[in-house]
Amino acid sequence: MNPQAKLVFATSLLLGSTITISSNHWITAWAGLEINTLAILPLISKSHHPRAIEAATKYFLVQAAASTLLLFSSMTNAWDTGQWDITQLTCPASCTILTAAIAMKLGLAPFHFWFPEVLQGCSLITGLLLSTAMKFPPITLLFMTSQSLNPTMLTLMAILSVALGGWTGLNQTQTRKILAFSSISHLGWMAAIIIYSPKLALLNFYLYIMITAAVFLTLNSIKTLKLSTLMTTWAKTPSLSAMLMLTLLSLAGLPPLTGFLPKWLIIQELTKQEMATTAVIIALLSLLSLFFYLRLAYCATITLPPHTTNHMKQWHTNKPVNTTVAVLVTMSIALLPMSPTILTLI
């Protein structure tokens, strides 16, 4: 793909996200989501591999269906109330349809089936965009309409997402699919808390973006797409493999790493809202996700391939250091002591 085309698609992605995030009218929000969808499709299918074309087709069909539902829910609400304002969502039927539409856009269970397949069909950098930037406009809409949505429905979807994200990721050997199920599981945590504390859900989302970006960029720099390749990276880049292990444990939410902060705060807030049962259920179900994060960390650092090289480990390499990866990995590991400062900012 030539640089001019990449620039056009990247600008369109930025434009679509900005339109959706800054709009108060349902039609402009819908138009921004459509621009986003059309801009990411060439990036998914740029390799012209049959798997990439299949992924782009699946993505287009699911996003088109979600956009149709979103438009239908906003029209139903406008018919009932005479309002096109995003924050004036009062019709119960519109709220239910909108929840389903945003769940499809995000890949929240039970509308999650497309996400692992699409992520498996594209490159790691496009996968990073799908896991982070493409989720930002739908999360914004969920944030703006959070007070109108059905709490029981969102809680059930949250528990289902954490359960299925952990359970279906257990037997995977492809790193992109594992990260897709990880994303579904994290979205469950956000859906559980967004009605009670929208700012806390956004904090969780920002930290998720940061840690996931660190994992994707690390995997991209060591050119790893499956677990069997990950086992051979220790001999080549031991320092990066060690950092990858810590970043994965942070994504799992283990203290004293950054990923523990949102889980701790969400469990605390759910307990305050007299939803201790939900907090206990999602905390126990997140142990499923912990298993495959530990599996990835084990493959990255502890397992050695059958035919190991005899040369010295290259702790110092001549390759240029990727500053972005270094900064993201550091923040993904070491932000927990700064939690009081972070909490004053939200």
Protein backbone atom coordinates (compact mmCIF):
# COMPACT_ATOMS: atom_id res chain seq x y z
CA MET A 1 0.00 0.00 0.00
CA ASN A 2 1.48 3.36 -1.00
CA PRO A 3 2.08 6.11 1.60
CA GLN A 4 -0.56 8.47 0.13
CA ALA A 5 -3.30 5.85 0.52
CA LYS A 6 -2.16 5.11 4.09
CA LEU A 7 -2.28 8.84 4.87
CA VAL A 8 -5.83 9.12 3.49
CA PHE A 9 -7.05 6.13 5.51
CA ALA A 10 -5.31 7.30 8.72
CA THR A 11 -6.80 10.81 8.31
CA SER A 12 -10.24 9.30 7.68
CA LEU A 13 -9.93 7.21 10.87
CA LEU A 14 -9.02 10.30 12.86
CA LEU A 15 -11.83 12.31 11.23
CA GLY A 16 -14.47 9.62 11.81
CA SER A 17 -13.50 9.20 15.48
CA THR A 18 -13.45 12.98 16.05
CA ILE A 19 -16.91 13.43 14.45
CA THR A 20 -18.46 10.70 16.61
CA ILE A 21 -16.79 11.81 19.84
CA SER A 22 -17.66 15.50 19.42
CA SER A 23 -21.24 15.11 18.14
CA ASN A 24 -24.50 15.62 20.04
CA HIS A 25 -26.73 14.52 17.16
CA TRP A 26 -27.35 10.85 16.37
CA ILE A 27 -26.94 11.29 12.59
CA THR A 28 -23.47 12.87 12.87
CA ALA A 29 -22.40 10.18 15.36
CA TRP A 30 -23.60 7.50 12.92
CA ALA A 31 -21.79 9.22 10.01
CA GLY A 32 -18.53 9.24 12.02
CA LEU A 33 -18.85 5.51 12.73
CA GLU A 34 -19.43 4.83 9.00
CA ILE A 35 -16.33 6.84 8.01
CA ASN A 36 -14.33 4.81 10.55
CA THR A 37 -15.59 1.49 9.18
CA LEU A 38 -14.85 2.40 5.55
CA ALA A 39 -11.35 3.69 6.45
CA ILE A 40 -10.24 0.55 8.32
CA LEU A 41 -11.45 -1.96 5.67
CA PRO A 42 -8.54 -1.38 3.19
CA LEU A 43 -6.07 -1.65 6.10
CA ILE A 44 -7.51 -5.06 7.08
CA SER A 45 -7.46 -6.41 3.51
CA LYS A 46 -4.19 -4.80 2.33
CA SER A 47 -2.25 -8.11 2.24
CA HIS A 48 -4.73 -9.57 -0.35
CA HIS A 49 -4.49 -12.91 1.43
CA PRO A 50 -7.81 -14.87 1.39
CA ARG A 51 -7.86 -14.79 5.21
CA ALA A 52 -7.51 -10.99 5.19
CA ILE A 53 -10.29 -10.60 2.61
CA GLU A 54 -12.52 -12.87 4.71
CA ALA A 55 -11.73 -10.80 7.83
CA ALA A 56 -12.57 -7.54 6.00
CA THR A 57 -15.88 -9.00 4.74
CA LYS A 58 -16.87 -10.21 8.21
CA TYR A 59 -15.94 -6.86 9.73
CA PHE A 60 -17.95 -4.94 7.12
CA LEU A 61 -21.08 -7.09 7.56
CA VAL A 62 -21.05 -6.91 11.37
CA GLN A 63 -20.34 -3.16 11.48
CA ALA A 64 -23.02 -2.47 8.86
CA ALA A 65 -25.56 -4.44 10.93
CA ALA A 66 -24.51 -2.57 14.12
CA SER A 67 -24.76 0.82 12.36
CA THR A 68 -28.24 -0.09 11.08
CA LEU A 69 -29.36 -0.99 14.60
CA LEU A 70 -27.87 2.24 15.98
CA LEU A 71 -29.69 4.32 13.36
CA PHE A 72 -32.91 2.40 13.99
CA SER A 73 -32.70 2.95 17.77
CA SER A 74 -32.07 6.71 17.32
CA MET A 75 -34.98 7.00 14.85
CA THR A 76 -37.29 5.12 17.23
CA ASN A 77 -36.26 7.46 20.04
CA ALA A 78 -36.79 10.53 17.81
CA TRP A 79 -40.24 9.18 16.82
CA ASP A 80 -41.14 8.75 20.50
CA THR A 81 -39.63 11.94 21.98
CA GLY A 82 -38.99 14.31 19.06
CA GLN A 83 -35.31 14.53 20.14
CA TRP A 84 -32.20 13.65 18.11
CA ASP A 85 -29.90 14.59 21.01
CA ILE A 86 -27.65 11.66 22.10
CA THR A 87 -28.12 12.38 25.80
CA GLN A 88 -31.96 12.45 25.51
CA LEU A 89 -32.40 8.70 25.10
CA THR A 90 -35.55 7.88 27.06
CA CYS A 91 -37.49 5.31 24.99
CA PRO A 92 -36.96 1.84 26.62
CA ALA A 93 -37.04 -0.01 23.27
CA SER A 94 -34.42 2.38 21.84
CA CYS A 95 -32.19 1.84 24.90
CA THR A 96 -32.28 -1.96 24.42
CA ILE A 97 -31.58 -1.75 20.67
CA LEU A 98 -28.76 0.75 21.24
CA THR A 99 -27.13 -1.51 23.84
CA ALA A 100 -27.14 -4.37 21.30
CA ALA A 101 -25.75 -2.06 18.55
CA ILE A 102 -22.87 -0.77 20.71
CA ALA A 103 -22.15 -4.32 21.94
CA MET A 104 -21.81 -5.41 18.29
CA LYS A 105 -19.53 -2.45 17.53
CA LEU A 106 -17.29 -3.23 20.52
CA GLY A 107 -17.34 -7.04 20.37
CA LEU A 108 -19.07 -7.40 23.73
CA ALA A 109 -20.61 -10.83 24.44
CA PRO A 110 -22.93 -12.27 23.16
CA PHE A 111 -22.08 -10.28 19.98
CA HIS A 112 -18.36 -11.08 20.17
CA PHE A 113 -17.97 -13.92 17.63
CA TRP A 114 -16.66 -11.73 14.79
CA PHE A 115 -13.82 -10.11 16.72
CA PRO A 116 -11.29 -13.00 17.14
CA GLU A 117 -11.78 -14.07 13.51
CA VAL A 118 -11.22 -10.54 12.17
CA LEU A 119 -8.16 -9.99 14.37
CA GLN A 120 -6.70 -13.32 13.24
CA GLY A 121 -6.99 -12.25 9.58
CA CYS A 122 -5.08 -8.95 9.81
CA SER A 123 -1.57 -7.79 10.75
CA LEU A 124 -0.52 -6.96 14.31
CA ILE A 125 -0.58 -3.18 13.70
CA THR A 126 -4.08 -3.31 12.16
CA GLY A 127 -5.08 -5.60 15.05
CA LEU A 128 -3.82 -2.92 17.45
CA LEU A 129 -6.03 -0.34 15.71
CA LEU A 130 -9.07 -2.65 15.89
CA SER A 131 -8.46 -3.40 19.59
CA THR A 132 -7.92 0.22 20.67
CA ALA A 133 -8.70 3.14 18.34
CA MET A 134 -11.77 1.54 16.72
CA LYS A 135 -13.34 0.96 20.15
CA PHE A 136 -13.04 4.59 21.20
CA PRO A 137 -16.12 6.04 19.36
CA PRO A 138 -18.53 3.26 20.54
CA ILE A 139 -17.21 3.56 24.14
CA THR A 140 -17.86 7.33 23.92
CA LEU A 141 -21.47 6.70 22.85
CA LEU A 142 -21.85 4.21 25.71
CA PHE A 143 -20.41 6.84 28.09
CA MET A 144 -22.85 9.53 26.85
CA THR A 145 -25.92 7.29 27.10
CA SER A 146 -24.87 5.33 30.21
CA GLN A 147 -27.56 6.82 32.49
CA SER A 148 -30.35 5.69 30.10
CA LEU A 149 -29.26 2.06 29.67
CA ASN A 150 -30.66 -1.02 31.39
CA PRO A 151 -28.37 -1.95 34.35
CA THR A 152 -29.49 -5.61 34.50
CA MET A 153 -28.87 -6.17 30.79
CA LEU A 154 -25.42 -4.55 30.93
CA THR A 155 -24.43 -6.51 34.05
CA LEU A 156 -25.45 -9.81 32.41
CA MET A 157 -23.50 -8.91 29.26
CA ALA A 158 -20.50 -7.96 31.41
CA ILE A 159 -20.48 -11.30 33.28
CA LEU A 160 -20.94 -13.18 29.99
CA SER A 161 -18.07 -11.24 28.36
CA VAL A 162 -15.64 -11.92 31.23
CA ALA A 163 -16.65 -15.61 31.27
CA LEU A 164 -16.47 -16.18 27.49
CA GLY A 165 -13.35 -14.01 27.06
CA GLY A 166 -11.51 -16.18 29.59
CA TRP A 167 -13.01 -19.55 28.72
CA THR A 168 -12.67 -19.41 24.90
CA GLY A 169 -9.13 -18.02 25.12
CA LEU A 170 -7.82 -21.00 27.12
CA ASN A 171 -7.00 -23.32 24.23
CA GLN A 172 -5.68 -20.76 21.71
CA THR A 173 -2.19 -20.89 20.21
CA GLN A 174 -2.35 -17.71 18.08
CA THR A 175 -1.29 -14.53 19.89
CA ARG A 176 -3.78 -12.32 18.00
CA LYS A 177 -6.72 -14.53 18.99
CA ILE A 178 -5.55 -14.59 22.62
CA LEU A 179 -5.43 -10.77 22.61
CA ALA A 180 -8.90 -10.67 21.02
CA PHE A 181 -10.38 -12.77 23.85
CA SER A 182 -8.43 -10.62 26.31
CA SER A 183 -10.15 -7.56 24.81
CA ILE A 184 -13.60 -9.16 25.19
CA SER A 185 -12.85 -9.93 28.84
CA HIS A 186 -11.69 -6.35 29.56
CA LEU A 187 -14.79 -4.93 27.88
CA GLY A 188 -16.83 -6.96 30.35
CA TRP A 189 -15.19 -5.11 33.26
CA MET A 190 -15.99 -1.76 31.59
CA ALA A 191 -19.61 -2.73 30.90
CA ALA A 192 -20.08 -3.77 34.55
CA ILE A 193 -19.14 -0.34 35.92
CA ILE A 194 -20.13 2.17 33.20
CA ILE A 195 -23.60 2.92 34.63
CA TYR A 196 -22.38 3.41 38.21
CA SER A 197 -19.10 5.24 37.48
CA PRO A 198 -18.59 6.21 33.81
CA LYS A 199 -15.28 7.96 34.59
CA LEU A 200 -13.90 4.78 36.14
CA ALA A 201 -14.92 2.83 33.01
CA LEU A 202 -13.03 5.37 30.88
CA LEU A 203 -9.96 5.10 33.15
CA ASN A 204 -10.10 1.31 32.69
CA PHE A 205 -10.36 1.83 28.92
CA TYR A 206 -7.36 4.20 28.78
CA LEU A 207 -5.18 1.85 30.83
CA TYR A 208 -6.35 -1.11 28.70
CA ILE A 209 -5.37 0.79 25.51
CA MET A 210 -1.92 1.58 26.94
CA ILE A 211 -1.13 -1.98 28.09
CA THR A 212 -2.57 -3.62 24.95
CA ALA A 213 -0.59 -1.24 22.72
CA ALA A 214 2.59 -2.21 24.62
CA VAL A 215 1.86 -5.94 24.07
CA PHE A 216 0.97 -5.56 20.36
CA LEU A 217 4.03 -3.39 19.58
CA THR A 218 6.33 -5.74 21.48
CA LEU A 219 4.97 -8.76 19.56
CA ASN A 220 5.31 -6.79 16.32
CA SER A 221 8.96 -5.91 17.03
CA ILE A 222 9.85 -9.56 17.70
CA LYS A 223 7.64 -10.72 14.75
CA THR A 224 5.60 -13.20 16.78
CA LEU A 225 2.19 -14.49 15.68
CA LYS A 226 1.94 -17.81 17.55
CA LEU A 227 3.12 -19.44 20.77
CA SER A 228 5.65 -21.75 19.07
CA THR A 229 7.46 -18.67 17.64
CA LEU A 230 7.26 -16.91 21.01
CA MET A 231 9.28 -19.77 22.57
CA THR A 232 12.29 -18.93 20.35
CA THR A 233 12.47 -15.21 21.15
CA TRP A 234 14.31 -15.49 24.47
CA ALA A 235 17.60 -16.35 22.73
CA LYS A 236 17.29 -13.33 20.42
CA THR A 237 15.80 -10.58 22.62
CA PRO A 238 15.85 -11.65 26.28
CA SER A 239 15.30 -8.14 27.70
CA LEU A 240 12.24 -7.51 25.49
CA SER A 241 10.87 -10.97 26.37
CA ALA A 242 11.23 -10.20 30.08
CA MET A 243 9.40 -6.89 29.62
CA LEU A 244 6.69 -8.69 27.63
CA MET A 245 6.18 -11.08 30.55
CA LEU A 246 5.66 -8.17 32.99
CA THR A 247 3.32 -6.37 30.57
CA LEU A 248 1.20 -9.52 30.17
CA LEU A 249 0.98 -9.92 33.94
CA SER A 250 -0.11 -6.26 34.12
CA LEU A 251 -2.81 -6.97 31.51
CA ALA A 252 -3.93 -9.85 33.74
CA GLY A 253 -4.36 -7.38 36.60
CA LEU A 254 -1.77 -8.69 39.07
CA PRO A 255 -0.43 -6.36 41.77
CA PRO A 256 1.87 -4.40 41.99
CA LEU A 257 1.53 -3.66 38.25
CA THR A 258 -0.57 -0.97 36.54
CA GLY A 259 -3.33 -3.36 35.39
CA PHE A 260 -4.30 -4.04 39.02
CA LEU A 261 -5.51 -0.44 39.51
CA PRO A 262 -8.74 -0.51 37.39
CA LYS A 263 -9.77 -3.97 38.65
CA TRP A 264 -9.24 -2.92 42.27
CA LEU A 265 -11.26 0.31 41.80
CA ILE A 266 -14.08 -1.45 39.89
CA ILE A 267 -14.47 -4.13 42.59
CA GLN A 268 -14.46 -1.38 45.24
CA GLU A 269 -17.14 0.65 43.38
CA LEU A 270 -19.35 -2.39 42.73
CA THR A 271 -19.19 -3.24 46.44
CA LYS A 272 -20.25 0.34 47.30
CA GLN A 273 -23.21 -0.03 44.91
CA GLU A 274 -24.30 -3.19 46.80
CA MET A 275 -23.26 -5.41 43.88
CA ALA A 276 -20.76 -7.53 45.80
CA THR A 277 -22.06 -10.71 44.11
CA THR A 278 -21.30 -9.33 40.64
CA ALA A 279 -17.85 -8.19 41.84
CA VAL A 280 -17.04 -11.66 43.21
CA ILE A 281 -18.29 -13.39 40.01
CA ILE A 282 -16.23 -11.26 37.58
CA ALA A 283 -13.17 -11.43 39.88
CA LEU A 284 -13.36 -15.25 39.91
CA LEU A 285 -14.03 -15.44 36.16
CA SER A 286 -10.98 -13.26 35.46
CA LEU A 287 -8.87 -16.16 36.79
CA LEU A 288 -9.63 -17.89 33.46
CA SER A 289 -7.96 -15.00 31.62
CA LEU A 290 -5.07 -15.12 34.08
CA PHE A 291 -4.34 -18.69 32.94
CA PHE A 292 -3.70 -17.77 29.31
CA TYR A 293 -1.73 -14.62 30.25
CA LEU A 294 0.50 -16.83 32.41
CA ARG A 295 0.76 -19.29 29.52
CA LEU A 296 1.94 -16.49 27.20
CA ALA A 297 4.37 -15.21 29.84
CA TYR A 298 5.66 -18.77 30.40
CA CYS A 299 6.26 -19.25 26.66
CA ALA A 300 7.97 -15.87 26.36
CA THR A 301 10.47 -16.29 29.19
CA ILE A 302 10.68 -19.73 30.77
CA THR A 303 10.27 -22.20 27.88
CA LEU A 304 13.27 -22.77 25.64
CA PRO A 305 12.96 -24.31 22.15
CA PRO A 306 14.25 -27.89 21.64
CA HIS A 307 17.25 -26.74 19.56
CA THR A 308 18.71 -23.81 21.42
CA THR A 309 21.53 -21.71 20.01
CA ASN A 310 24.94 -22.00 21.62
CA HIS A 311 25.94 -18.33 21.38
CA MET A 312 25.79 -15.89 24.30
CA LYS A 313 22.46 -14.23 25.06
CA GLN A 314 22.24 -10.84 23.40
CA TRP A 315 21.32 -8.54 26.27
CA HIS A 316 22.92 -5.70 24.34
CA THR A 317 21.90 -5.59 20.69
CA ASN A 318 22.87 -3.27 17.87
CA LYS A 319 19.24 -2.76 16.88
CA PRO A 320 17.78 0.72 17.48
CA VAL A 321 15.59 0.91 20.58
CA ASN A 322 11.92 1.58 19.87
CA THR A 323 11.15 4.51 22.20
CA THR A 324 7.37 4.05 21.94
CA VAL A 325 7.60 0.44 23.13
CA ALA A 326 9.96 1.42 25.96
CA VAL A 327 7.65 4.21 27.23
CA LEU A 328 4.47 2.13 26.94
CA VAL A 329 6.01 -0.90 28.66
CA THR A 330 7.34 1.27 31.52
CA MET A 331 3.92 2.89 32.02
CA SER A 332 2.19 -0.51 31.79
CA ILE A 333 4.31 -1.82 34.65
CA ALA A 334 4.97 1.10 37.00
CA LEU A 335 1.88 3.35 37.28
CA LEU A 336 0.28 1.72 40.36
CA PRO A 337 2.21 3.85 42.92
CA MET A 338 0.82 6.92 41.14
CA SER A 339 -2.79 5.81 41.64
CA PRO A 340 -3.68 8.64 44.13
CA THR A 341 -2.58 11.20 41.49
CA ILE A 342 -4.51 9.39 38.74
CA LEU A 343 -7.65 9.31 40.91
CA THR A 344 -7.52 13.07 41.47
CA LEU A 345 -7.46 13.59 37.69
CA ILE A 346 -10.63 11.59 36.91
